[in-house]
Amino acid sequence: MLGDPVRRRILQLLAEGEQRSGAISEVIRTEFGISQPAVSQHLKVLRDSGFATVRADGTRRLYAVATGPFVEIDEWLDQFRRFWDQPLDALATELAREKRHRRTAAPGPRQDPPKEEKP
């Protein structure tokens, strides 16, 4: 479902706020070179799977992100967060240590490297 790059891109557009189906179609058609009916099919899959909502506004259809599935994904991902949180914490600690070291290291006189003598 979310493995499809077109659907991921549609969700990125919807993350910016509610979007007209025509505006979504225009961007997706330009970026992916697919037809309007193909874009509509992707929107239908997102609606049917619960990742997007649609509401009528006169003749327009306005799409938005549905938060429910993302909350479920976030909860499921909790079991894997330790795999990236710990390395990122360690990296942040190391960067802070290097920054402190640079601040406390006294700048010494500049020394040019010795010139090589030619025989």
N, C-alpha and C. Protein backbone atom coordinates (compact mmCIF):
# COMPACT_ATOMS: atom_id res chain seq x y z
N MET A 1 0.83 -1.19 0.00
CA MET A 1 0.00 0.00 0.00
C MET A 1 0.87 1.25 0.00
N LEU A 2 1.67 1.46 1.06
CA LEU A 2 2.53 2.65 1.11
C LEU A 2 3.86 2.43 0.41
N GLY A 3 4.05 1.24 -0.14
CA GLY A 3 5.26 0.97 -0.90
C GLY A 3 5.24 1.65 -2.26
N ASP A 4 4.08 2.09 -2.69
CA ASP A 4 3.96 2.73 -3.99
C ASP A 4 4.39 4.20 -3.89
N PRO A 5 5.35 4.62 -4.72
CA PRO A 5 5.84 6.01 -4.63
C PRO A 5 4.78 7.05 -4.96
N VAL A 6 3.83 6.71 -5.82
CA VAL A 6 2.76 7.67 -6.15
C VAL A 6 1.91 7.92 -4.92
N ARG A 7 1.56 6.86 -4.21
CA ARG A 7 0.73 7.03 -3.01
C ARG A 7 1.48 7.77 -1.92
N ARG A 8 2.76 7.48 -1.78
CA ARG A 8 3.55 8.23 -0.78
C ARG A 8 3.59 9.71 -1.14
N ARG A 9 3.73 10.02 -2.41
CA ARG A 9 3.78 11.42 -2.84
C ARG A 9 2.43 12.10 -2.60
N ILE A 10 1.35 11.40 -2.87
CA ILE A 10 0.02 11.97 -2.60
C ILE A 10 -0.11 12.28 -1.11
N LEU A 11 0.34 11.37 -0.27
CA LEU A 11 0.26 11.61 1.18
C LEU A 11 1.13 12.79 1.59
N GLN A 12 2.28 12.97 0.93
CA GLN A 12 3.11 14.15 1.22
C GLN A 12 2.34 15.42 0.87
N LEU A 13 1.66 15.42 -0.25
CA LEU A 13 0.86 16.60 -0.63
C LEU A 13 -0.24 16.84 0.38
N LEU A 14 -0.90 15.78 0.82
CA LEU A 14 -1.99 15.92 1.78
C LEU A 14 -1.48 16.35 3.15
N ALA A 15 -0.24 16.03 3.46
CA ALA A 15 0.34 16.45 4.74
C ALA A 15 0.44 17.97 4.83
N GLU A 16 0.46 18.63 3.69
CA GLU A 16 0.51 20.10 3.66
C GLU A 16 -0.86 20.71 3.96
N GLY A 17 -1.90 19.89 3.94
CA GLY A 17 -3.26 20.38 4.19
C GLY A 17 -4.21 19.81 3.16
N GLU A 18 -5.48 20.06 3.39
CA GLU A 18 -6.53 19.57 2.50
C GLU A 18 -6.26 20.04 1.06
N GLN A 19 -6.46 19.13 0.11
CA GLN A 19 -6.15 19.43 -1.30
C GLN A 19 -7.32 19.04 -2.19
N ARG A 20 -7.54 19.84 -3.23
CA ARG A 20 -8.52 19.50 -4.26
C ARG A 20 -8.00 18.31 -5.06
N SER A 21 -8.89 17.43 -5.47
CA SER A 21 -8.45 16.28 -6.27
C SER A 21 -7.78 16.74 -7.56
N GLY A 22 -8.26 17.83 -8.15
CA GLY A 22 -7.65 18.35 -9.38
C GLY A 22 -6.22 18.81 -9.16
N ALA A 23 -5.96 19.45 -8.02
CA ALA A 23 -4.60 19.92 -7.72
C ALA A 23 -3.67 18.73 -7.50
N ILE A 24 -4.16 17.72 -6.79
CA ILE A 24 -3.36 16.52 -6.57
C ILE A 24 -3.05 15.86 -7.91
N SER A 25 -4.08 15.71 -8.72
CA SER A 25 -3.92 15.08 -10.02
C SER A 25 -2.91 15.82 -10.89
N GLU A 26 -2.96 17.13 -10.87
CA GLU A 26 -2.04 17.94 -11.68
C GLU A 26 -0.59 17.68 -11.28
N VAL A 27 -0.31 17.69 -9.99
CA VAL A 27 1.07 17.46 -9.51
C VAL A 27 1.52 16.04 -9.85
N ILE A 28 0.69 15.07 -9.56
CA ILE A 28 1.07 13.67 -9.77
C ILE A 28 1.24 13.37 -11.26
N ARG A 29 0.36 13.90 -12.08
CA ARG A 29 0.48 13.68 -13.52
C ARG A 29 1.77 14.27 -14.05
N THR A 30 2.15 15.44 -13.56
CA THR A 30 3.38 16.08 -13.99
C THR A 30 4.61 15.30 -13.52
N GLU A 31 4.61 14.91 -12.24
CA GLU A 31 5.78 14.25 -11.67
C GLU A 31 5.95 12.81 -12.11
N PHE A 32 4.83 12.09 -12.31
CA PHE A 32 4.91 10.66 -12.60
C PHE A 32 4.48 10.29 -14.02
N GLY A 33 3.90 11.25 -14.73
CA GLY A 33 3.50 10.98 -16.10
C GLY A 33 2.38 9.96 -16.23
N ILE A 34 1.48 9.94 -15.25
CA ILE A 34 0.36 9.00 -15.31
C ILE A 34 -0.93 9.76 -15.60
N SER A 35 -1.94 9.05 -16.02
CA SER A 35 -3.21 9.66 -16.40
C SER A 35 -4.03 10.08 -15.18
N GLN A 36 -5.02 10.93 -15.44
CA GLN A 36 -5.93 11.37 -14.37
C GLN A 36 -6.69 10.18 -13.78
N PRO A 37 -7.19 9.24 -14.61
CA PRO A 37 -7.87 8.08 -14.02
C PRO A 37 -6.94 7.24 -13.13
N ALA A 38 -5.66 7.17 -13.48
CA ALA A 38 -4.71 6.43 -12.64
C ALA A 38 -4.53 7.13 -11.30
N VAL A 39 -4.46 8.47 -11.32
CA VAL A 39 -4.35 9.23 -10.07
C VAL A 39 -5.60 9.00 -9.22
N SER A 40 -6.76 9.03 -9.86
CA SER A 40 -8.02 8.78 -9.14
C SER A 40 -8.02 7.40 -8.49
N GLN A 41 -7.45 6.41 -9.19
CA GLN A 41 -7.38 5.07 -8.61
C GLN A 41 -6.49 5.05 -7.37
N HIS A 42 -5.37 5.76 -7.42
CA HIS A 42 -4.48 5.85 -6.24
C HIS A 42 -5.21 6.54 -5.08
N LEU A 43 -5.96 7.59 -5.37
CA LEU A 43 -6.73 8.27 -4.33
C LEU A 43 -7.77 7.33 -3.73
N LYS A 44 -8.39 6.53 -4.57
CA LYS A 44 -9.39 5.56 -4.09
C LYS A 44 -8.74 4.54 -3.16
N VAL A 45 -7.56 4.05 -3.52
CA VAL A 45 -6.85 3.08 -2.67
C VAL A 45 -6.53 3.71 -1.32
N LEU A 46 -6.09 4.97 -1.33
CA LEU A 46 -5.78 5.66 -0.07
C LEU A 46 -7.04 5.84 0.77
N ARG A 47 -8.16 6.15 0.15
CA ARG A 47 -9.43 6.29 0.86
C ARG A 47 -9.87 4.95 1.42
N ASP A 48 -9.87 3.93 0.58
CA ASP A 48 -10.35 2.62 0.98
C ASP A 48 -9.51 2.00 2.09
N SER A 49 -8.23 2.33 2.12
CA SER A 49 -7.34 1.78 3.15
C SER A 49 -7.34 2.65 4.41
N GLY A 50 -8.04 3.79 4.36
CA GLY A 50 -8.17 4.64 5.54
C GLY A 50 -7.09 5.68 5.72
N PHE A 51 -6.18 5.82 4.75
CA PHE A 51 -5.11 6.80 4.88
C PHE A 51 -5.52 8.20 4.45
N ALA A 52 -6.62 8.30 3.72
CA ALA A 52 -7.09 9.61 3.26
C ALA A 52 -8.60 9.68 3.43
N THR A 53 -9.07 10.90 3.62
CA THR A 53 -10.51 11.15 3.66
C THR A 53 -10.86 12.06 2.50
N VAL A 54 -12.13 12.07 2.14
CA VAL A 54 -12.60 12.95 1.07
C VAL A 54 -13.92 13.55 1.50
N ARG A 55 -14.11 14.81 1.14
CA ARG A 55 -15.39 15.45 1.40
C ARG A 55 -15.76 16.27 0.18
N ALA A 56 -17.05 16.36 -0.05
CA ALA A 56 -17.54 17.13 -1.19
C ALA A 56 -17.68 18.59 -0.78
N ASP A 57 -17.29 19.46 -1.70
CA ASP A 57 -17.48 20.89 -1.54
C ASP A 57 -18.03 21.39 -2.87
N GLY A 58 -19.34 21.32 -3.00
CA GLY A 58 -19.96 21.60 -4.30
C GLY A 58 -19.58 20.49 -5.26
N THR A 59 -18.98 20.87 -6.37
CA THR A 59 -18.56 19.86 -7.35
C THR A 59 -17.13 19.38 -7.10
N ARG A 60 -16.46 20.01 -6.17
CA ARG A 60 -15.06 19.64 -5.89
C ARG A 60 -14.99 18.53 -4.85
N ARG A 61 -13.92 17.77 -4.91
CA ARG A 61 -13.63 16.75 -3.90
C ARG A 61 -12.34 17.17 -3.21
N LEU A 62 -12.41 17.30 -1.89
CA LEU A 62 -11.27 17.72 -1.10
C LEU A 62 -10.74 16.53 -0.30
N TYR A 63 -9.46 16.27 -0.46
CA TYR A 63 -8.81 15.14 0.22
C TYR A 63 -7.96 15.64 1.37
N ALA A 64 -7.86 14.80 2.40
CA ALA A 64 -7.03 15.12 3.57
C ALA A 64 -6.44 13.82 4.12
N VAL A 65 -5.40 13.96 4.91
CA VAL A 65 -4.80 12.80 5.58
C VAL A 65 -5.73 12.34 6.69
N ALA A 66 -5.90 11.04 6.80
CA ALA A 66 -6.62 10.45 7.93
C ALA A 66 -5.56 9.99 8.93
N THR A 67 -5.67 10.41 10.17
CA THR A 67 -4.60 10.15 11.14
C THR A 67 -4.61 8.74 11.72
N GLY A 68 -5.75 8.07 11.74
CA GLY A 68 -5.85 6.77 12.38
C GLY A 68 -4.78 5.76 11.99
N PRO A 69 -4.61 5.47 10.71
CA PRO A 69 -3.61 4.49 10.32
C PRO A 69 -2.18 4.90 10.70
N PHE A 70 -1.91 6.19 10.69
CA PHE A 70 -0.57 6.65 11.04
C PHE A 70 -0.29 6.46 12.53
N VAL A 71 -1.32 6.62 13.35
CA VAL A 71 -1.17 6.35 14.78
C VAL A 71 -0.87 4.86 14.99
N GLU A 72 -1.57 4.01 14.27
CA GLU A 72 -1.32 2.57 14.36
C GLU A 72 0.08 2.22 13.91
N ILE A 73 0.54 2.82 12.82
CA ILE A 73 1.90 2.56 12.33
C ILE A 73 2.92 3.04 13.35
N ASP A 74 2.69 4.21 13.92
CA ASP A 74 3.61 4.76 14.91
C ASP A 74 3.71 3.84 16.12
N GLU A 75 2.57 3.33 16.57
CA GLU A 75 2.58 2.40 17.71
C GLU A 75 3.31 1.12 17.36
N TRP A 76 3.12 0.61 16.16
CA TRP A 76 3.80 -0.60 15.72
C TRP A 76 5.31 -0.37 15.63
N LEU A 77 5.71 0.82 15.18
CA LEU A 77 7.13 1.13 15.04
C LEU A 77 7.86 1.24 16.38
N ASP A 78 7.11 1.44 17.46
CA ASP A 78 7.74 1.57 18.78
C ASP A 78 8.71 0.42 19.07
N GLN A 79 8.38 -0.77 18.65
CA GLN A 79 9.24 -1.91 18.93
C GLN A 79 10.57 -1.84 18.20
N PHE A 80 10.68 -0.98 17.18
CA PHE A 80 11.90 -0.86 16.40
C PHE A 80 12.69 0.41 16.69
N ARG A 81 12.11 1.35 17.44
CA ARG A 81 12.76 2.64 17.66
C ARG A 81 14.13 2.51 18.30
N ARG A 82 14.32 1.50 19.12
CA ARG A 82 15.61 1.35 19.80
C ARG A 82 16.74 1.16 18.80
N PHE A 83 16.42 0.67 17.61
CA PHE A 83 17.46 0.45 16.62
C PHE A 83 17.99 1.75 16.03
N TRP A 84 17.16 2.79 16.02
CA TRP A 84 17.69 4.06 15.52
C TRP A 84 17.83 5.11 16.61
N ASP A 85 17.12 5.02 17.71
CA ASP A 85 17.26 6.01 18.79
C ASP A 85 18.62 5.92 19.45
N GLN A 86 19.08 4.72 19.79
CA GLN A 86 20.36 4.58 20.49
C GLN A 86 21.52 5.06 19.63
N PRO A 87 21.63 4.65 18.37
CA PRO A 87 22.73 5.18 17.56
C PRO A 87 22.67 6.70 17.41
N LEU A 88 21.46 7.26 17.29
CA LEU A 88 21.35 8.71 17.16
C LEU A 88 21.74 9.40 18.47
N ASP A 89 21.36 8.82 19.61
CA ASP A 89 21.76 9.37 20.90
C ASP A 89 23.27 9.35 21.04
N ALA A 90 23.90 8.24 20.62
CA ALA A 90 25.35 8.12 20.71
C ALA A 90 26.03 9.15 19.80
N LEU A 91 25.48 9.37 18.61
CA LEU A 91 26.04 10.36 17.70
C LEU A 91 25.92 11.76 18.28
N ALA A 92 24.78 12.08 18.88
CA ALA A 92 24.59 13.40 19.49
C ALA A 92 25.58 13.62 20.63
N THR A 93 25.81 12.58 21.44
CA THR A 93 26.78 12.68 22.53
C THR A 93 28.18 12.93 21.99
N GLU A 94 28.55 12.21 20.95
CA GLU A 94 29.88 12.37 20.35
C GLU A 94 30.05 13.75 19.75
N LEU A 95 29.03 14.25 19.08
CA LEU A 95 29.12 15.60 18.50
C LEU A 95 29.25 16.65 19.59
N ALA A 96 28.52 16.50 20.68
CA ALA A 96 28.63 17.45 21.80
C ALA A 96 30.02 17.39 22.40
N ARG A 97 30.58 16.20 22.54
CA ARG A 97 31.93 16.04 23.08
C ARG A 97 32.95 16.73 22.19
N GLU A 98 32.84 16.58 20.88
CA GLU A 98 33.76 17.23 19.95
C GLU A 98 33.63 18.75 20.01
N LYS A 99 32.40 19.23 20.14
CA LYS A 99 32.17 20.67 20.22
C LYS A 99 32.82 21.25 21.47
N ARG A 100 32.66 20.54 22.62
CA ARG A 100 33.30 21.00 23.85
C ARG A 100 34.81 21.00 23.71
N HIS A 101 35.35 19.99 23.08
CA HIS A 101 36.79 19.88 22.90
C HIS A 101 37.32 21.04 22.05
N ARG A 102 36.59 21.41 21.00
CA ARG A 102 37.03 22.52 20.15
C ARG A 102 37.01 23.84 20.91
N ARG A 103 36.00 24.01 21.78
CA ARG A 103 35.89 25.26 22.54
C ARG A 103 37.00 25.37 23.58
N THR A 104 37.36 24.26 24.19
CA THR A 104 38.35 24.31 25.26
C THR A 104 39.78 24.21 24.76
N ALA A 105 39.97 23.74 23.56
CA ALA A 105 41.34 23.63 23.03
C ALA A 105 41.86 25.03 22.73
N ALA A 106 42.98 25.36 23.34
CA ALA A 106 43.58 26.68 23.13
C ALA A 106 44.25 26.71 21.77
N PRO A 107 43.95 27.73 21.00
CA PRO A 107 44.60 27.81 19.70
C PRO A 107 46.08 28.14 19.88
N GLY A 108 46.91 27.33 19.34
CA GLY A 108 48.35 27.54 19.44
C GLY A 108 48.84 28.34 18.25
N PRO A 109 50.13 28.67 18.25
CA PRO A 109 50.67 29.41 17.11
C PRO A 109 50.63 28.52 15.86
N ARG A 110 50.37 29.15 14.77
CA ARG A 110 50.27 28.40 13.52
C ARG A 110 51.64 27.98 13.08
N GLN A 111 51.76 26.75 12.74
CA GLN A 111 53.04 26.24 12.26
C GLN A 111 52.84 25.69 10.86
N ASP A 112 53.69 26.16 9.96
CA ASP A 112 53.65 25.63 8.61
C ASP A 112 54.41 24.31 8.61
N PRO A 113 54.00 23.37 7.78
CA PRO A 113 54.72 22.12 7.72
C PRO A 113 56.13 22.35 7.19
N PRO A 114 57.09 21.55 7.65
CA PRO A 114 58.47 21.77 7.18
C PRO A 114 58.57 21.54 5.68
N LYS A 115 59.42 22.36 5.06
CA LYS A 115 59.61 22.23 3.61
C LYS A 115 60.57 21.09 3.34
N GLU A 116 60.25 20.36 2.29
CA GLU A 116 61.12 19.27 1.93
C GLU A 116 62.35 19.81 1.22
N GLU A 117 63.47 19.27 1.62
CA GLU A 117 64.72 19.69 0.96
C GLU A 117 64.95 18.77 -0.22
N LYS A 118 65.41 19.37 -1.31
CA LYS A 118 65.70 18.59 -2.50
C LYS A 118 67.19 18.29 -2.55
N PRO A 119 67.52 17.05 -2.92
CA PRO A 119 68.96 16.69 -2.97
C PRO A 119 69.70 17.35 -4.09
